[in-house]
Amino acid sequence: MLLSAFGSLLQLLYLAMLVLAVVAFVFAAIAREDAYRAADKKKKSFWLILLGVAVAVNLFIPMLFLQLAGAVASIVFMVDVRPAIKAVSGGGGRRGGSSSDGPYGPYNGGR
């Protein structure tokens, strides 16, 4: 019973790594090429190849250490490269306003 629970936990882990790699690959594919250069990151083709290999490994080669390497590449892209690309391409999440704006409008400190 414990072994089957561990097996299903591993299957969920494999699925999570696959979903992360696919999402990172899609985000890498839809970003503009010049945004990578402006953010001073590796080329778009580098990230597409790296994340494409991560997706292929997750789908076709059930070797945990290769899947973990793909997960690391996906996490690096999502945590480091994607926010930098969004910042230089104008998608930083802020739509005008000042740094003192809260979620419901400006915060003026009770004045």
C-alpha atoms as a PDB file:
ATOM      1  CA  MET A   1       0.000   0.000   0.000  1.00  0.00           C
ATOM      2  CA  LEU A   2       2.782   2.392   0.877  1.00  0.00           C
ATOM      3  CA  LEU A   3       4.616   1.543  -2.326  1.00  0.00           C
ATOM      4  CA  SER A   4       1.566   2.305  -4.475  1.00  0.00           C
ATOM      5  CA  ALA A   5       1.111   5.649  -2.708  1.00  0.00           C
ATOM      6  CA  PHE A   6       4.762   6.475  -3.385  1.00  0.00           C
ATOM      7  CA  GLY A   7       4.295   5.496  -7.032  1.00  0.00           C
ATOM      8  CA  SER A   8       1.289   7.769  -7.421  1.00  0.00           C
ATOM      9  CA  LEU A   9       3.216  10.583  -5.726  1.00  0.00           C
ATOM     10  CA  LEU A  10       6.024  10.121  -8.248  1.00  0.00           C
ATOM     11  CA  GLN A  11       3.509  10.169 -11.097  1.00  0.00           C
ATOM     12  CA  LEU A  12       2.182  13.509  -9.831  1.00  0.00           C
ATOM     13  CA  LEU A  13       5.738  14.816  -9.613  1.00  0.00           C
ATOM     14  CA  TYR A  14       6.425  13.725 -13.212  1.00  0.00           C
ATOM     15  CA  LEU A  15       3.204  15.371 -14.364  1.00  0.00           C
ATOM     16  CA  ALA A  16       4.059  18.602 -12.529  1.00  0.00           C
ATOM     17  CA  MET A  17       7.509  18.704 -14.142  1.00  0.00           C
ATOM     18  CA  LEU A  18       5.960  18.119 -17.570  1.00  0.00           C
ATOM     19  CA  VAL A  19       3.371  20.880 -17.098  1.00  0.00           C
ATOM     20  CA  LEU A  20       6.053  23.290 -15.864  1.00  0.00           C
ATOM     21  CA  ALA A  21       8.254  22.545 -18.880  1.00  0.00           C
ATOM     22  CA  VAL A  22       5.366  22.959 -21.333  1.00  0.00           C
ATOM     23  CA  VAL A  23       4.246  26.258 -19.770  1.00  0.00           C
ATOM     24  CA  ALA A  24       7.808  27.605 -19.779  1.00  0.00           C
ATOM     25  CA  PHE A  25       8.227  26.521 -23.418  1.00  0.00           C
ATOM     26  CA  VAL A  26       5.011  28.303 -24.431  1.00  0.00           C
ATOM     27  CA  PHE A  27       6.043  31.492 -22.623  1.00  0.00           C
ATOM     28  CA  ALA A  28       9.471  31.331 -24.277  1.00  0.00           C
ATOM     29  CA  ALA A  29       7.878  30.841 -27.690  1.00  0.00           C
ATOM     30  CA  ILE A  30       5.462  33.786 -27.483  1.00  0.00           C
ATOM     31  CA  ALA A  31       8.020  36.323 -26.219  1.00  0.00           C
ATOM     32  CA  ARG A  32       9.660  38.625 -28.747  1.00  0.00           C
ATOM     33  CA  GLU A  33      13.240  37.932 -29.839  1.00  0.00           C
ATOM     34  CA  ASP A  34      14.398  41.479 -29.157  1.00  0.00           C
ATOM     35  CA  ALA A  35      13.091  41.323 -25.589  1.00  0.00           C
ATOM     36  CA  TYR A  36      15.678  38.646 -24.798  1.00  0.00           C
ATOM     37  CA  ARG A  37      18.474  40.904 -26.042  1.00  0.00           C
ATOM     38  CA  ALA A  38      17.067  43.938 -24.243  1.00  0.00           C
ATOM     39  CA  ALA A  39      16.848  41.986 -20.979  1.00  0.00           C
ATOM     40  CA  ASP A  40      20.460  40.805 -21.479  1.00  0.00           C
ATOM     41  CA  LYS A  41      19.461  37.135 -21.405  1.00  0.00           C
ATOM     42  CA  LYS A  42      20.395  34.232 -23.670  1.00  0.00           C
ATOM     43  CA  LYS A  43      18.866  34.101 -27.141  1.00  0.00           C
ATOM     44  CA  LYS A  44      15.312  32.983 -27.716  1.00  0.00           C
ATOM     45  CA  SER A  45      16.539  29.988 -29.717  1.00  0.00           C
ATOM     46  CA  PHE A  46      18.676  28.864 -26.749  1.00  0.00           C
ATOM     47  CA  TRP A  47      15.688  28.842 -24.416  1.00  0.00           C
ATOM     48  CA  LEU A  48      13.418  27.197 -26.984  1.00  0.00           C
ATOM     49  CA  ILE A  49      15.913  24.381 -27.540  1.00  0.00           C
ATOM     50  CA  LEU A  50      16.590  23.920 -23.827  1.00  0.00           C
ATOM     51  CA  LEU A  51      12.924  23.921 -22.851  1.00  0.00           C
ATOM     52  CA  GLY A  52      11.971  21.798 -25.866  1.00  0.00           C
ATOM     53  CA  VAL A  53      14.491  19.176 -24.773  1.00  0.00           C
ATOM     54  CA  ALA A  54      13.036  19.371 -21.248  1.00  0.00           C
ATOM     55  CA  VAL A  55       9.552  18.682 -22.638  1.00  0.00           C
ATOM     56  CA  ALA A  56      10.838  15.820 -24.802  1.00  0.00           C
ATOM     57  CA  VAL A  57      12.716  14.257 -21.891  1.00  0.00           C
ATOM     58  CA  ASN A  58       9.624  14.453 -19.703  1.00  0.00           C
ATOM     59  CA  LEU A  59       7.526  12.804 -22.392  1.00  0.00           C
ATOM     60  CA  PHE A  60       9.832  10.139 -23.785  1.00  0.00           C
ATOM     61  CA  ILE A  61      12.764   9.409 -21.434  1.00  0.00           C
ATOM     62  CA  PRO A  62      11.734   8.366 -17.916  1.00  0.00           C
ATOM     63  CA  MET A  63      15.064   9.139 -16.251  1.00  0.00           C
ATOM     64  CA  LEU A  64      14.597  11.156 -13.104  1.00  0.00           C
ATOM     65  CA  PHE A  65      17.920  13.025 -13.191  1.00  0.00           C
ATOM     66  CA  LEU A  66      17.258  14.247 -16.749  1.00  0.00           C
ATOM     67  CA  GLN A  67      13.746  15.281 -15.784  1.00  0.00           C
ATOM     68  CA  LEU A  68      15.093  17.158 -12.784  1.00  0.00           C
ATOM     69  CA  ALA A  69      17.600  18.967 -15.019  1.00  0.00           C
ATOM     70  CA  GLY A  70      14.698  20.000 -17.247  1.00  0.00           C
ATOM     71  CA  ALA A  71      12.746  21.161 -14.212  1.00  0.00           C
ATOM     72  CA  VAL A  72      15.694  23.292 -13.104  1.00  0.00           C
ATOM     73  CA  ALA A  73      15.910  24.873 -16.568  1.00  0.00           C
ATOM     74  CA  SER A  74      12.155  25.544 -16.518  1.00  0.00           C
ATOM     75  CA  ILE A  75      12.314  27.098 -13.061  1.00  0.00           C
ATOM     76  CA  VAL A  76      15.254  29.309 -14.057  1.00  0.00           C
ATOM     77  CA  PHE A  77      13.300  30.512 -17.070  1.00  0.00           C
ATOM     78  CA  MET A  78      10.111  31.187 -15.099  1.00  0.00           C
ATOM     79  CA  VAL A  79      11.836  32.896 -12.156  1.00  0.00           C
ATOM     80  CA  ASP A  80      14.648  34.808 -13.848  1.00  0.00           C
ATOM     81  CA  VAL A  81      14.191  35.179 -17.602  1.00  0.00           C
ATOM     82  CA  ARG A  82      10.430  35.616 -17.919  1.00  0.00           C
ATOM     83  CA  PRO A  83      10.134  38.524 -15.418  1.00  0.00           C
ATOM     84  CA  ALA A  84      13.066  40.291 -17.105  1.00  0.00           C
ATOM     85  CA  ILE A  85      11.450  39.868 -20.510  1.00  0.00           C
ATOM     86  CA  LYS A  86       8.122  41.139 -19.198  1.00  0.00           C
ATOM     87  CA  ALA A  87       9.815  44.171 -17.663  1.00  0.00           C
ATOM     88  CA  VAL A  88      11.507  45.247 -20.887  1.00  0.00           C
ATOM     89  CA  SER A  89       8.545  44.512 -23.121  1.00  0.00           C
ATOM     90  CA  GLY A  90       6.168  46.644 -21.074  1.00  0.00           C
ATOM     91  CA  GLY A  91       4.285  43.821 -19.401  1.00  0.00           C
ATOM     92  CA  GLY A  92       5.581  44.418 -15.902  1.00  0.00           C
ATOM     93  CA  GLY A  93       2.133  44.133 -14.373  1.00  0.00           C
ATOM     94  CA  ARG A  94       1.754  47.831 -13.587  1.00  0.00           C
ATOM     95  CA  ARG A  95      -0.617  49.898 -15.673  1.00  0.00           C
ATOM     96  CA  GLY A  96       0.470  53.402 -14.827  1.00  0.00           C
ATOM     97  CA  GLY A  97       0.065  54.881 -11.404  1.00  0.00           C
ATOM     98  CA  SER A  98       2.677  55.565  -8.795  1.00  0.00           C
ATOM     99  CA  SER A  99       4.561  53.305  -6.444  1.00  0.00           C
ATOM    100  CA  SER A 100       2.178  54.241  -3.610  1.00  0.00           C
ATOM    101  CA  ASP A 101      -0.865  52.849  -5.380  1.00  0.00           C
ATOM    102  CA  GLY A 102      -2.543  49.937  -3.674  1.00  0.00           C
ATOM    103  CA  PRO A 103      -4.902  47.408  -5.213  1.00  0.00           C
ATOM    104  CA  TYR A 104      -7.868  49.767  -4.792  1.00  0.00           C
ATOM    105  CA  GLY A 105      -6.239  53.083  -5.641  1.00  0.00           C
ATOM    106  CA  PRO A 106      -3.662  55.473  -4.215  1.00  0.00           C
ATOM    107  CA  TYR A 107      -2.556  55.152  -0.627  1.00  0.00           C
ATOM    108  CA  ASN A 108      -1.979  58.526   0.960  1.00  0.00           C
ATOM    109  CA  GLY A 109      -1.151  57.510   4.519  1.00  0.00           C
ATOM    110  CA  GLY A 110      -4.495  58.601   5.988  1.00  0.00           C
ATOM    111  CA  ARG A 111      -4.229  62.202   4.835  1.00  0.00           C
END
